[in-house]
């Protein structure tokens, strides 16, 4: 049953991410990807609220909102909650994870682009 909650939340999160990003990019600014920034900041705020409210990671609402909805709304929400958890248990692990995530994802994106852009 948890897969159904994740799928429903994921579908809604992806659609809302698209609509909000397009709205912000088309109506507010195009100097930086403000739509993506808005989605990431909003998603991180919501994941903090929802994860705090649904402390049980086995709750159907946790599956729907945190894993499904926010997981597709923004991956930054998952990343940020993992960082907070790591900082609370082992700050060195948290710092290492931040550095590795930003470094490897940017390098992987660059490699992917250069492989297929000719």
PDB file of N, CA and C in Angstrom:
ATOM      1  N   UNK A   1       0.823  -1.199   0.000  1.00  0.00           N
ATOM      2  CA  UNK A   1       0.000   0.000   0.000  1.00  0.00           C
ATOM      3  C   UNK A   1       0.866   1.261   0.000  1.00  0.00           C
ATOM      4  N   UNK A   2       2.047   1.178   0.611  1.00  0.00           N
ATOM      5  CA  UNK A   2       2.909   2.356   0.660  1.00  0.00           C
ATOM      6  C   UNK A   2       3.331   2.799  -0.738  1.00  0.00           C
ATOM      7  N   UNK A   3       3.477   1.864  -1.678  1.00  0.00           N
ATOM      8  CA  UNK A   3       3.843   2.199  -3.057  1.00  0.00           C
ATOM      9  C   UNK A   3       2.766   3.073  -3.686  1.00  0.00           C
ATOM     10  N   UNK A   4       1.505   2.799  -3.390  1.00  0.00           N
ATOM     11  CA  UNK A   4       0.404   3.600  -3.925  1.00  0.00           C
ATOM     12  C   UNK A   4       0.471   5.033  -3.402  1.00  0.00           C
ATOM     13  N   UNK A   5       0.725   5.187  -2.113  1.00  0.00           N
ATOM     14  CA  UNK A   5       0.863   6.529  -1.537  1.00  0.00           C
ATOM     15  C   UNK A   5       2.021   7.288  -2.189  1.00  0.00           C
ATOM     16  N   UNK A   6       3.134   6.597  -2.382  1.00  0.00           N
ATOM     17  CA  UNK A   6       4.305   7.224  -2.999  1.00  0.00           C
ATOM     18  C   UNK A   6       3.993   7.632  -4.439  1.00  0.00           C
ATOM     19  N   UNK A   7       3.329   6.757  -5.183  1.00  0.00           N
ATOM     20  CA  UNK A   7       3.006   7.044  -6.583  1.00  0.00           C
ATOM     21  C   UNK A   7       2.043   8.223  -6.706  1.00  0.00           C
ATOM     22  N   UNK A   8       1.020   8.255  -5.880  1.00  0.00           N
ATOM     23  CA  UNK A   8       0.060   9.363  -5.928  1.00  0.00           C
ATOM     24  C   UNK A   8       0.730  10.685  -5.546  1.00  0.00           C
ATOM     25  N   UNK A   9       1.500  10.658  -4.479  1.00  0.00           N
ATOM     26  CA  UNK A   9       2.212  11.869  -4.064  1.00  0.00           C
ATOM     27  C   UNK A   9       3.224  12.308  -5.109  1.00  0.00           C
ATOM     28  N   UNK A  10       3.931  11.351  -5.696  1.00  0.00           N
ATOM     29  CA  UNK A  10       4.936  11.668  -6.708  1.00  0.00           C
ATOM     30  C   UNK A  10       4.329  12.318  -7.935  1.00  0.00           C
ATOM     31  N   UNK A  11       3.200  11.825  -8.376  1.00  0.00           N
ATOM     32  CA  UNK A  11       2.525  12.418  -9.532  1.00  0.00           C
ATOM     33  C   UNK A  11       2.106  13.849  -9.267  1.00  0.00           C
ATOM     34  N   UNK A  12       1.516  14.075  -8.115  1.00  0.00           N
ATOM     35  CA  UNK A  12       1.080  15.430  -7.767  1.00  0.00           C
ATOM     36  C   UNK A  12       2.269  16.376  -7.594  1.00  0.00           C
ATOM     37  N   UNK A  13       3.330  15.890  -6.965  1.00  0.00           N
ATOM     38  CA  UNK A  13       4.511  16.726  -6.754  1.00  0.00           C
ATOM     39  C   UNK A  13       5.174  17.137  -8.051  1.00  0.00           C
ATOM     40  N   UNK A  14       5.255  16.213  -9.001  1.00  0.00           N
ATOM     41  CA  UNK A  14       5.887  16.520 -10.286  1.00  0.00           C
ATOM     42  C   UNK A  14       5.092  17.563 -11.057  1.00  0.00           C
ATOM     43  N   UNK A  15       3.771  17.419 -11.063  1.00  0.00           N
ATOM     44  CA  UNK A  15       2.921  18.388 -11.770  1.00  0.00           C
ATOM     45  C   UNK A  15       3.018  19.762 -11.113  1.00  0.00           C
ATOM     46  N   UNK A  16       2.952  19.805  -9.799  1.00  0.00           N
ATOM     47  CA  UNK A  16       3.041  21.092  -9.107  1.00  0.00           C
ATOM     48  C   UNK A  16       4.406  21.741  -9.308  1.00  0.00           C
ATOM     49  N   UNK A  17       5.474  20.942  -9.310  1.00  0.00           N
ATOM     50  CA  UNK A  17       6.814  21.484  -9.569  1.00  0.00           C
ATOM     51  C   UNK A  17       6.857  22.149 -10.936  1.00  0.00           C
ATOM     52  N   UNK A  18       6.335  21.476 -11.943  1.00  0.00           N
ATOM     53  CA  UNK A  18       6.321  22.039 -13.290  1.00  0.00           C
ATOM     54  C   UNK A  18       5.528  23.344 -13.335  1.00  0.00           C
ATOM     55  N   UNK A  19       4.315  23.342 -12.778  1.00  0.00           N
ATOM     56  CA  UNK A  19       3.468  24.529 -12.833  1.00  0.00           C
ATOM     57  C   UNK A  19       4.086  25.710 -12.093  1.00  0.00           C
ATOM     58  N   UNK A  20       4.603  25.473 -10.898  1.00  0.00           N
ATOM     59  CA  UNK A  20       5.193  26.554 -10.109  1.00  0.00           C
ATOM     60  C   UNK A  20       6.465  27.084 -10.760  1.00  0.00           C
ATOM     61  N   UNK A  21       7.305  26.198 -11.248  1.00  0.00           N
ATOM     62  CA  UNK A  21       8.545  26.617 -11.903  1.00  0.00           C
ATOM     63  C   UNK A  21       8.239  27.455 -13.136  1.00  0.00           C
ATOM     64  N   UNK A  22       7.314  27.004 -13.959  1.00  0.00           N
ATOM     65  CA  UNK A  22       6.940  27.750 -15.164  1.00  0.00           C
ATOM     66  C   UNK A  22       6.352  29.108 -14.807  1.00  0.00           C
ATOM     67  N   UNK A  23       5.491  29.148 -13.807  1.00  0.00           N
ATOM     68  CA  UNK A  23       4.874  30.410 -13.414  1.00  0.00           C
ATOM     69  C   UNK A  23       5.930  31.418 -12.957  1.00  0.00           C
ATOM     70  N   UNK A  24       6.802  30.994 -12.070  1.00  0.00           N
ATOM     71  CA  UNK A  24       7.826  31.901 -11.545  1.00  0.00           C
ATOM     72  C   UNK A  24       8.767  32.336 -12.659  1.00  0.00           C
ATOM     73  N   UNK A  25       9.227  31.406 -13.465  1.00  0.00           N
ATOM     74  CA  UNK A  25      10.162  31.757 -14.541  1.00  0.00           C
ATOM     75  C   UNK A  25       9.538  32.693 -15.576  1.00  0.00           C
ATOM     76  N   UNK A  26       8.261  32.535 -15.848  1.00  0.00           N
ATOM     77  CA  UNK A  26       7.599  33.358 -16.859  1.00  0.00           C
ATOM     78  C   UNK A  26       7.087  34.689 -16.338  1.00  0.00           C
ATOM     79  N   UNK A  27       6.896  34.817 -15.026  1.00  0.00           N
ATOM     80  CA  UNK A  27       6.264  36.015 -14.489  1.00  0.00           C
ATOM     81  C   UNK A  27       7.101  36.829 -13.513  1.00  0.00           C
ATOM     82  N   UNK A  28       8.191  36.282 -13.034  1.00  0.00           N
ATOM     83  CA  UNK A  28       8.932  37.002 -11.999  1.00  0.00           C
ATOM     84  C   UNK A  28      10.333  37.366 -12.448  1.00  0.00           C
ATOM     85  N   UNK A  29      11.119  36.405 -12.867  1.00  0.00           N
ATOM     86  CA  UNK A  29      12.500  36.702 -13.205  1.00  0.00           C
ATOM     87  C   UNK A  29      13.060  35.639 -14.129  1.00  0.00           C
ATOM     88  N   UNK A  30      14.033  36.036 -14.933  1.00  0.00           N
ATOM     89  CA  UNK A  30      14.733  35.048 -15.738  1.00  0.00           C
ATOM     90  C   UNK A  30      16.243  35.250 -15.659  1.00  0.00           C
ATOM     91  N   UNK A  31      16.701  36.020 -14.668  1.00  0.00           N
ATOM     92  CA  UNK A  31      18.139  36.232 -14.498  1.00  0.00           C
ATOM     93  C   UNK A  31      18.832  34.990 -13.963  1.00  0.00           C
ATOM     94  N   UNK A  32      18.174  34.297 -13.073  1.00  0.00           N
ATOM     95  CA  UNK A  32      18.652  33.022 -12.541  1.00  0.00           C
ATOM     96  C   UNK A  32      17.463  32.068 -12.558  1.00  0.00           C
ATOM     97  N   UNK A  33      17.676  30.771 -12.415  1.00  0.00           N
ATOM     98  CA  UNK A  33      16.545  29.832 -12.394  1.00  0.00           C
ATOM     99  C   UNK A  33      15.734  29.984 -11.101  1.00  0.00           C
ATOM    100  N   UNK A  34      15.058  31.115 -10.989  1.00  0.00           N
ATOM    101  CA  UNK A  34      14.321  31.432  -9.772  1.00  0.00           C
ATOM    102  C   UNK A  34      13.177  30.462  -9.517  1.00  0.00           C
ATOM    103  N   UNK A  35      12.607  29.903 -10.578  1.00  0.00           N
ATOM    104  CA  UNK A  35      11.543  28.917 -10.399  1.00  0.00           C
ATOM    105  C   UNK A  35      12.055  27.678  -9.689  1.00  0.00           C
ATOM    106  N   UNK A  36      13.208  27.190 -10.111  1.00  0.00           N
ATOM    107  CA  UNK A  36      13.810  26.024  -9.470  1.00  0.00           C
ATOM    108  C   UNK A  36      14.220  26.340  -8.039  1.00  0.00           C
ATOM    109  N   UNK A  37      14.797  27.512  -7.842  1.00  0.00           N
ATOM    110  CA  UNK A  37      15.179  27.918  -6.489  1.00  0.00           C
ATOM    111  C   UNK A  37      13.950  27.979  -5.589  1.00  0.00           C
ATOM    112  N   UNK A  38      12.874  28.549  -6.098  1.00  0.00           N
ATOM    113  CA  UNK A  38      11.638  28.654  -5.313  1.00  0.00           C
ATOM    114  C   UNK A  38      11.114  27.278  -4.919  1.00  0.00           C
ATOM    115  N   UNK A  39      11.100  26.369  -5.882  1.00  0.00           N
ATOM    116  CA  UNK A  39      10.619  25.013  -5.620  1.00  0.00           C
ATOM    117  C   UNK A  39      11.508  24.331  -4.581  1.00  0.00           C
ATOM    118  N   UNK A  40      12.822  24.472  -4.723  1.00  0.00           N
ATOM    119  CA  UNK A  40      13.734  23.833  -3.776  1.00  0.00           C
ATOM    120  C   UNK A  40      13.577  24.389  -2.369  1.00  0.00           C
ATOM    121  N   UNK A  41      13.485  25.705  -2.232  1.00  0.00           N
ATOM    122  CA  UNK A  41      13.341  26.310  -0.899  1.00  0.00           C
ATOM    123  C   UNK A  41      12.000  25.933  -0.288  1.00  0.00           C
ATOM    124  N   UNK A  42      10.931  26.047  -1.065  1.00  0.00           N
ATOM    125  CA  UNK A  42       9.607  25.685  -0.566  1.00  0.00           C
ATOM    126  C   UNK A  42       9.544  24.206  -0.181  1.00  0.00           C
ATOM    127  N   UNK A  43      10.105  23.350  -1.031  1.00  0.00           N
ATOM    128  CA  UNK A  43      10.112  21.914  -0.735  1.00  0.00           C
ATOM    129  C   UNK A  43      10.887  21.589   0.530  1.00  0.00           C
ATOM    130  N   UNK A  44      12.004  22.264   0.731  1.00  0.00           N
ATOM    131  CA  UNK A  44      12.803  22.026   1.941  1.00  0.00           C
ATOM    132  C   UNK A  44      12.064  22.496   3.193  1.00  0.00           C
ATOM    133  N   UNK A  45      11.371  23.627   3.086  1.00  0.00           N
ATOM    134  CA  UNK A  45      10.568  24.098   4.224  1.00  0.00           C
ATOM    135  C   UNK A  45       9.467  23.093   4.548  1.00  0.00           C
ATOM    136  N   UNK A  46       8.769  22.636   3.511  1.00  0.00           N
ATOM    137  CA  UNK A  46       7.661  21.702   3.723  1.00  0.00           C
ATOM    138  C   UNK A  46       8.161  20.371   4.266  1.00  0.00           C
ATOM    139  N   UNK A  47       9.307  19.873   3.761  1.00  0.00           N
ATOM    140  CA  UNK A  47       9.801  18.582   4.260  1.00  0.00           C
ATOM    141  C   UNK A  47      10.158  18.689   5.741  1.00  0.00           C
ATOM    142  N   UNK A  48      10.675  19.831   6.163  1.00  0.00           N
ATOM    143  CA  UNK A  48      10.957  20.014   7.589  1.00  0.00           C
ATOM    144  C   UNK A  48       9.688  19.963   8.417  1.00  0.00           C
ATOM    145  N   UNK A  49       8.650  20.648   7.943  1.00  0.00           N
ATOM    146  CA  UNK A  49       7.368  20.656   8.654  1.00  0.00           C
ATOM    147  C   UNK A  49       6.741  19.269   8.692  1.00  0.00           C
ATOM    148  N   UNK A  50       6.679  18.619   7.535  1.00  0.00           N
ATOM    149  CA  UNK A  50       6.009  17.321   7.434  1.00  0.00           C
ATOM    150  C   UNK A  50       6.786  16.242   8.173  1.00  0.00           C
ATOM    151  N   UNK A  51       8.111  16.234   8.030  1.00  0.00           N
ATOM    152  CA  UNK A  51       8.920  15.219   8.719  1.00  0.00           C
ATOM    153  C   UNK A  51       8.818  15.399  10.225  1.00  0.00           C
ATOM    154  N   UNK A  52       8.713  16.647  10.667  1.00  0.00           N
ATOM    155  CA  UNK A  52       8.541  16.884  12.097  1.00  0.00           C
ATOM    156  C   UNK A  52       7.166  16.455  12.583  1.00  0.00           C
ATOM    157  N   UNK A  53       6.143  16.706  11.784  1.00  0.00           N
ATOM    158  CA  UNK A  53       4.772  16.374  12.175  1.00  0.00           C
ATOM    159  C   UNK A  53       4.521  14.879  12.108  1.00  0.00           C
ATOM    160  N   UNK A  54       4.963  14.229  11.026  1.00  0.00           N
ATOM    161  CA  UNK A  54       4.817  12.785  10.874  1.00  0.00           C
ATOM    162  C   UNK A  54       6.149  12.144  11.221  1.00  0.00           C
ATOM    163  N   UNK A  55       6.482  12.131  12.496  1.00  0.00           N
ATOM    164  CA  UNK A  55       7.785  11.632  12.926  1.00  0.00           C
ATOM    165  C   UNK A  55       7.986  10.164  12.552  1.00  0.00           C
ATOM    166  N   UNK A  56       6.896   9.413  12.466  1.00  0.00           N
ATOM    167  CA  UNK A  56       6.997   8.000  12.107  1.00  0.00           C
ATOM    168  C   UNK A  56       7.219   7.867  10.611  1.00  0.00           C
ATOM    169  N   UNK A  57       8.331   7.238  10.243  1.00  0.00           N
ATOM    170  CA  UNK A  57       8.639   7.053   8.827  1.00  0.00           C
ATOM    171  C   UNK A  57       7.827   5.918   8.208  1.00  0.00           C
ATOM    172  N   UNK A  58       6.932   5.321   8.971  1.00  0.00           N
ATOM    173  CA  UNK A  58       6.081   4.267   8.417  1.00  0.00           C
ATOM    174  C   UNK A  58       4.647   4.756   8.243  1.00  0.00           C
ATOM    175  N   UNK A  59       4.389   6.015   8.526  1.00  0.00           N
ATOM    176  CA  UNK A  59       3.057   6.586   8.368  1.00  0.00           C
ATOM    177  C   UNK A  59       2.700   6.712   6.892  1.00  0.00           C
ATOM    178  N   UNK A  60       1.460   6.394   6.510  1.00  0.00           N
ATOM    179  CA  UNK A  60       1.049   6.581   5.115  1.00  0.00           C
ATOM    180  C   UNK A  60       1.236   8.025   4.638  1.00  0.00           C
ATOM    181  N   UNK A  61       1.022   8.987   5.511  1.00  0.00           N
ATOM    182  CA  UNK A  61       1.192  10.388   5.129  1.00  0.00           C
ATOM    183  C   UNK A  61       2.661  10.733   4.921  1.00  0.00           C
ATOM    184  N   UNK A  62       3.548  10.064   5.646  1.00  0.00           N
ATOM    185  CA  UNK A  62       4.982  10.249   5.421  1.00  0.00           C
ATOM    186  C   UNK A  62       5.343   9.739   4.026  1.00  0.00           C
ATOM    187  N   UNK A  63       4.840   8.567   3.663  1.00  0.00           N
ATOM    188  CA  UNK A  63       5.091   8.023   2.325  1.00  0.00           C
ATOM    189  C   UNK A  63       4.548   8.960   1.247  1.00  0.00           C
ATOM    190  N   UNK A  64       3.314   9.446   1.453  1.00  0.00           N
ATOM    191  CA  UNK A  64       2.673  10.313   0.469  1.00  0.00           C
ATOM    192  C   UNK A  64       3.412  11.647   0.326  1.00  0.00           C
ATOM    193  N   UNK A  65       3.622  12.345   1.441  1.00  0.00           N
ATOM    194  CA  UNK A  65       4.192  13.692   1.379  1.00  0.00           C
ATOM    195  C   UNK A  65       5.704  13.712   1.218  1.00  0.00           C
ATOM    196  N   UNK A  66       6.426  13.025   2.090  1.00  0.00           N
ATOM    197  CA  UNK A  66       7.890  13.137   2.100  1.00  0.00           C
ATOM    198  C   UNK A  66       8.514  12.380   0.939  1.00  0.00           C
ATOM    199  N   UNK A  67       8.181  11.111   0.807  1.00  0.00           N
ATOM    200  CA  UNK A  67       8.815  10.309  -0.240  1.00  0.00           C
ATOM    201  C   UNK A  67       8.190  10.592  -1.604  1.00  0.00           C
ATOM    202  N   UNK A  68       6.866  10.604  -1.684  1.00  0.00           N
ATOM    203  CA  UNK A  68       6.186  10.793  -2.963  1.00  0.00           C
ATOM    204  C   UNK A  68       6.145  12.239  -3.415  1.00  0.00           C
ATOM    205  N   UNK A  69       5.315  13.047  -2.746  1.00  0.00           N
ATOM    206  CA  UNK A  69       5.079  14.419  -3.178  1.00  0.00           C
ATOM    207  C   UNK A  69       6.362  15.246  -3.189  1.00  0.00           C
ATOM    208  N   UNK A  70       7.037  15.316  -2.059  1.00  0.00           N
ATOM    209  CA  UNK A  70       8.242  16.151  -1.993  1.00  0.00           C
ATOM    210  C   UNK A  70       9.416  15.529  -2.723  1.00  0.00           C
ATOM    211  N   UNK A  71       9.442  14.211  -2.821  1.00  0.00           N
ATOM    212  CA  UNK A  71      10.499  13.547  -3.571  1.00  0.00           C
ATOM    213  C   UNK A  71      10.476  13.906  -5.043  1.00  0.00           C
ATOM    214  N   UNK A  72       9.277  14.122  -5.580  1.00  0.00           N
ATOM    215  CA  UNK A  72       9.199  14.530  -6.979  1.00  0.00           C
ATOM    216  C   UNK A  72       9.087  16.036  -7.124  1.00  0.00           C
ATOM    217  N   UNK A  73       8.636  16.714  -6.097  1.00  0.00           N
ATOM    218  CA  UNK A  73       8.560  18.180  -6.124  1.00  0.00           C
ATOM    219  C   UNK A  73       9.967  18.761  -6.152  1.00  0.00           C
ATOM    220  N   UNK A  74      10.849  18.197  -5.350  1.00  0.00           N
ATOM    221  CA  UNK A  74      12.240  18.614  -5.320  1.00  0.00           C
ATOM    222  C   UNK A  74      13.092  17.575  -4.632  1.00  0.00           C
ATOM    223  N   UNK A  75      14.214  17.217  -5.230  1.00  0.00           N
ATOM    224  CA  UNK A  75      15.122  16.296  -4.554  1.00  0.00           C
ATOM    225  C   UNK A  75      15.912  17.000  -3.464  1.00  0.00           C
ATOM    226  N   UNK A  76      15.909  18.302  -3.487  1.00  0.00           N
ATOM    227  CA  UNK A  76      16.611  19.034  -2.429  1.00  0.00           C
ATOM    228  C   UNK A  76      15.973  18.790  -1.071  1.00  0.00           C
ATOM    229  N   UNK A  77      14.677  18.490  -1.044  1.00  0.00           N
ATOM    230  CA  UNK A  77      14.024  18.219   0.238  1.00  0.00           C
ATOM    231  C   UNK A  77      14.589  16.954   0.867  1.00  0.00           C
ATOM    232  N   UNK A  78      14.788  15.897   0.072  1.00  0.00           N
ATOM    233  CA  UNK A  78      15.374  14.666   0.596  1.00  0.00           C
ATOM    234  C   UNK A  78      16.815  14.901   1.023  1.00  0.00           C
ATOM    235  N   UNK A  79      17.563  15.606   0.195  1.00  0.00           N
ATOM    236  CA  UNK A  79      18.957  15.915   0.494  1.00  0.00           C
ATOM    237  C   UNK A  79      19.070  16.712   1.797  1.00  0.00           C
ATOM    238  N   UNK A  80      18.234  17.720   1.958  1.00  0.00           N
ATOM    239  CA  UNK A  80      18.339  18.574   3.141  1.00  0.00           C
ATOM    240  C   UNK A  80      17.982  17.839   4.425  1.00  0.00           C
ATOM    241  N   UNK A  81      16.964  16.978   4.377  1.00  0.00           N
ATOM    242  CA  UNK A  81      16.601  16.247   5.595  1.00  0.00           C
ATOM    243  C   UNK A  81      17.697  15.247   5.955  1.00  0.00           C
ATOM    244  N   UNK A  82      18.342  14.638   4.951  1.00  0.00           N
ATOM    245  CA  UNK A  82      19.453  13.730   5.220  1.00  0.00           C
ATOM    246  C   UNK A  82      20.635  14.473   5.833  1.00  0.00           C
ATOM    247  N   UNK A  83      20.904  15.673   5.341  1.00  0.00           N
ATOM    248  CA  UNK A  83      22.005  16.479   5.891  1.00  0.00           C
ATOM    249  C   UNK A  83      21.740  16.828   7.346  1.00  0.00           C
ATOM    250  N   UNK A  84      20.530  17.267   7.651  1.00  0.00           N
ATOM    251  CA  UNK A  84      20.180  17.604   9.042  1.00  0.00           C
ATOM    252  C   UNK A  84      20.362  16.386   9.942  1.00  0.00           C
ATOM    253  N   UNK A  85      19.884  15.221   9.482  1.00  0.00           N
ATOM    254  CA  UNK A  85      20.034  14.000  10.275  1.00  0.00           C
ATOM    255  C   UNK A  85      21.506  13.654  10.484  1.00  0.00           C
ATOM    256  N   UNK A  86      22.321  13.800   9.427  1.00  0.00           N
ATOM    257  CA  UNK A  86      23.752  13.526   9.570  1.00  0.00           C
ATOM    258  C   UNK A  86      24.433  14.523  10.499  1.00  0.00           C
ATOM    259  N   UNK A  87      24.102  15.796  10.373  1.00  0.00           N
ATOM    260  CA  UNK A  87      24.688  16.814  11.254  1.00  0.00           C
ATOM    261  C   UNK A  87      24.347  16.523  12.714  1.00  0.00           C
ATOM    262  N   UNK A  88      23.131  16.042  12.953  1.00  0.00           N
ATOM    263  CA  UNK A  88      22.718  15.729  14.324  1.00  0.00           C
ATOM    264  C   UNK A  88      23.446  14.518  14.895  1.00  0.00           C
ATOM    265  N   UNK A  89      23.863  13.575  14.018  1.00  0.00           N
ATOM    266  CA  UNK A  89      24.522  12.379  14.520  1.00  0.00           C
ATOM    267  C   UNK A  89      26.043  12.423  14.371  1.00  0.00           C
ATOM    268  N   UNK A  90      26.534  13.016  13.281  1.00  0.00           N
ATOM    269  CA  UNK A  90      27.976  13.058  13.036  1.00  0.00           C
ATOM    270  C   UNK A  90      28.262  14.176  12.033  1.00  0.00           C
ATOM    271  N   UNK A  91      28.676  15.311  12.526  1.00  0.00           N
ATOM    272  CA  UNK A  91      28.842  16.494  11.669  1.00  0.00           C
ATOM    273  C   UNK A  91      29.863  16.269  10.556  1.00  0.00           C
ATOM    274  N   UNK A  92      30.912  15.493  10.821  1.00  0.00           N
ATOM    275  CA  UNK A  92      31.910  15.218   9.789  1.00  0.00           C
ATOM    276  C   UNK A  92      31.290  14.434   8.623  1.00  0.00           C
ATOM    277  N   UNK A  93      30.428  13.477   8.939  1.00  0.00           N
ATOM    278  CA  UNK A  93      29.723  12.743   7.885  1.00  0.00           C
ATOM    279  C   UNK A  93      28.822  13.676   7.085  1.00  0.00           C
ATOM    280  N   UNK A  94      28.162  14.596   7.765  1.00  0.00           N
ATOM    281  CA  UNK A  94      27.301  15.560   7.089  1.00  0.00           C
ATOM    282  C   UNK A  94      28.077  16.452   6.135  1.00  0.00           C
ATOM    283  N   UNK A  95      29.195  16.971   6.584  1.00  0.00           N
ATOM    284  CA  UNK A  95      30.035  17.831   5.742  1.00  0.00           C
ATOM    285  C   UNK A  95      30.566  17.045   4.546  1.00  0.00           C
ATOM    286  N   UNK A  96      31.007  15.818   4.797  1.00  0.00           N
ATOM    287  CA  UNK A  96      31.516  14.968   3.719  1.00  0.00           C
ATOM    288  C   UNK A  96      30.425  14.719   2.676  1.00  0.00           C
ATOM    289  N   UNK A  97      29.220  14.423   3.137  1.00  0.00           N
ATOM    290  CA  UNK A  97      28.100  14.161   2.233  1.00  0.00           C
ATOM    291  C   UNK A  97      27.772  15.389   1.380  1.00  0.00           C
ATOM    292  N   UNK A  98      27.787  16.576   1.983  1.00  0.00           N
ATOM    293  CA  UNK A  98      27.521  17.809   1.231  1.00  0.00           C
ATOM    294  C   UNK A  98      28.571  17.999   0.140  1.00  0.00           C
ATOM    295  N   UNK A  99      29.834  17.885   0.515  1.00  0.00           N
ATOM    296  CA  UNK A  99      30.926  18.090  -0.447  1.00  0.00           C
ATOM    297  C   UNK A  99      30.863  17.056  -1.567  1.00  0.00           C
ATOM    298  N   UNK A 100      30.685  15.790  -1.207  1.00  0.00           N
ATOM    299  CA  UNK A 100      30.618  14.738  -2.225  1.00  0.00           C
ATOM    300  C   UNK A 100      29.409  14.911  -3.138  1.00  0.00           C
ATOM    301  N   UNK A 101      28.269  15.256  -2.567  1.00  0.00           N
ATOM    302  CA  UNK A 101      27.061  15.407  -3.371  1.00  0.00           C
ATOM    303  C   UNK A 101      27.218  16.527  -4.391  1.00  0.00           C
ATOM    304  N   UNK A 102      27.636  17.706  -3.941  1.00  0.00           N
ATOM    305  CA  UNK A 102      27.779  18.816  -4.884  1.00  0.00           C
ATOM    306  C   UNK A 102      28.880  18.541  -5.906  1.00  0.00           C
ATOM    307  N   UNK A 103      29.996  18.018  -5.460  1.00  0.00           N
ATOM    308  CA  UNK A 103      31.109  17.757  -6.379  1.00  0.00           C
ATOM    309  C   UNK A 103      30.740  16.704  -7.420  1.00  0.00           C
ATOM    310  N   UNK A 104      30.277  15.552  -6.965  1.00  0.00           N
ATOM    311  CA  UNK A 104      29.994  14.453  -7.880  1.00  0.00           C
ATOM    312  C   UNK A 104      28.816  14.737  -8.800  1.00  0.00           C
ATOM    313  N   UNK A 105      27.774  15.394  -8.296  1.00  0.00           N
ATOM    314  CA  UNK A 105      26.625  15.646  -9.159  1.00  0.00           C
ATOM    315  C   UNK A 105      26.956  16.662 -10.248  1.00  0.00           C
ATOM    316  N   UNK A 106      27.729  17.661  -9.929  1.00  0.00           N
ATOM    317  CA  UNK A 106      28.118  18.650 -10.941  1.00  0.00           C
ATOM    318  C   UNK A 106      29.045  18.012 -11.963  1.00  0.00           C
ATOM    319  N   UNK A 107      30.020  17.238 -11.509  1.00  0.00           N
ATOM    320  CA  UNK A 107      30.933  16.554 -12.426  1.00  0.00           C
ATOM    321  C   UNK A 107      30.163  15.552 -13.292  1.00  0.00           C
ATOM    322  N   UNK A 108      29.259  14.789 -12.698  1.00  0.00           N
ATOM    323  CA  UNK A 108      28.478  13.809 -13.456  1.00  0.00           C
ATOM    324  C   UNK A 108      27.607  14.496 -14.510  1.00  0.00           C
ATOM    325  N   UNK A 109      27.019  15.626 -14.149  1.00  0.00           N
ATOM    326  CA  UNK A 109      26.226  16.384 -15.115  1.00  0.00           C
ATOM    327  C   UNK A 109      27.095  16.861 -16.264  1.00  0.00           C
ATOM    328  N   UNK A 110      28.264  17.370 -15.957  1.00  0.00           N
ATOM    329  CA  UNK A 110      29.187  17.850 -16.989  1.00  0.00           C
ATOM    330  C   UNK A 110      29.602  16.698 -17.911  1.00  0.00           C
ATOM    331  N   UNK A 111      29.961  15.563 -17.337  1.00  0.00           N
ATOM    332  CA  UNK A 111      30.353  14.403 -18.138  1.00  0.00           C
ATOM    333  C   UNK A 111      29.193  13.953 -19.023  1.00  0.00           C
ATOM    334  N   UNK A 112      28.002  13.868 -18.442  1.00  0.00           N
ATOM    335  CA  UNK A 112      26.836  13.482 -19.224  1.00  0.00           C
ATOM    336  C   UNK A 112      26.573  14.426 -20.379  1.00  0.00           C
ATOM    337  N   UNK A 113      26.708  15.701 -20.126  1.00  0.00           N
ATOM    338  CA  UNK A 113      26.494  16.682 -21.198  1.00  0.00           C
ATOM    339  C   UNK A 113      27.554  16.565 -22.292  1.00  0.00           C
ATOM    340  N   UNK A 114      28.807  16.400 -21.896  1.00  0.00           N
ATOM    341  CA  UNK A 114      29.880  16.348 -22.895  1.00  0.00           C
ATOM    342  C   UNK A 114      29.858  15.048 -23.693  1.00  0.00           C
ATOM    343  N   UNK A 115      29.362  13.982 -23.104  1.00  0.00           N
ATOM    344  CA  UNK A 115      29.276  12.705 -23.808  1.00  0.00           C
ATOM    345  C   UNK A 115      28.243  12.800 -24.937  1.00  0.00           C
ATOM    346  N   UNK A 116      27.117  13.450 -24.658  1.00  0.00           N
ATOM    347  CA  UNK A 116      26.029  13.462 -25.624  1.00  0.00           C
ATOM    348  C   UNK A 116      25.919  14.738 -26.434  1.00  0.00           C
ATOM    349  N   UNK A 117      26.662  15.777 -26.086  1.00  0.00           N
ATOM    350  CA  UNK A 117      26.677  16.994 -26.898  1.00  0.00           C
ATOM    351  C   UNK A 117      27.866  16.953 -27.825  1.00  0.00           C
ATOM    352  N   UNK A 118      27.603  16.922 -29.083  1.00  0.00           N
ATOM    353  CA  UNK A 118      28.707  16.859 -30.040  1.00  0.00           C
ATOM    354  C   UNK A 118      28.567  17.938 -31.066  1.00  0.00           C
TER     355      UNK A 118
END
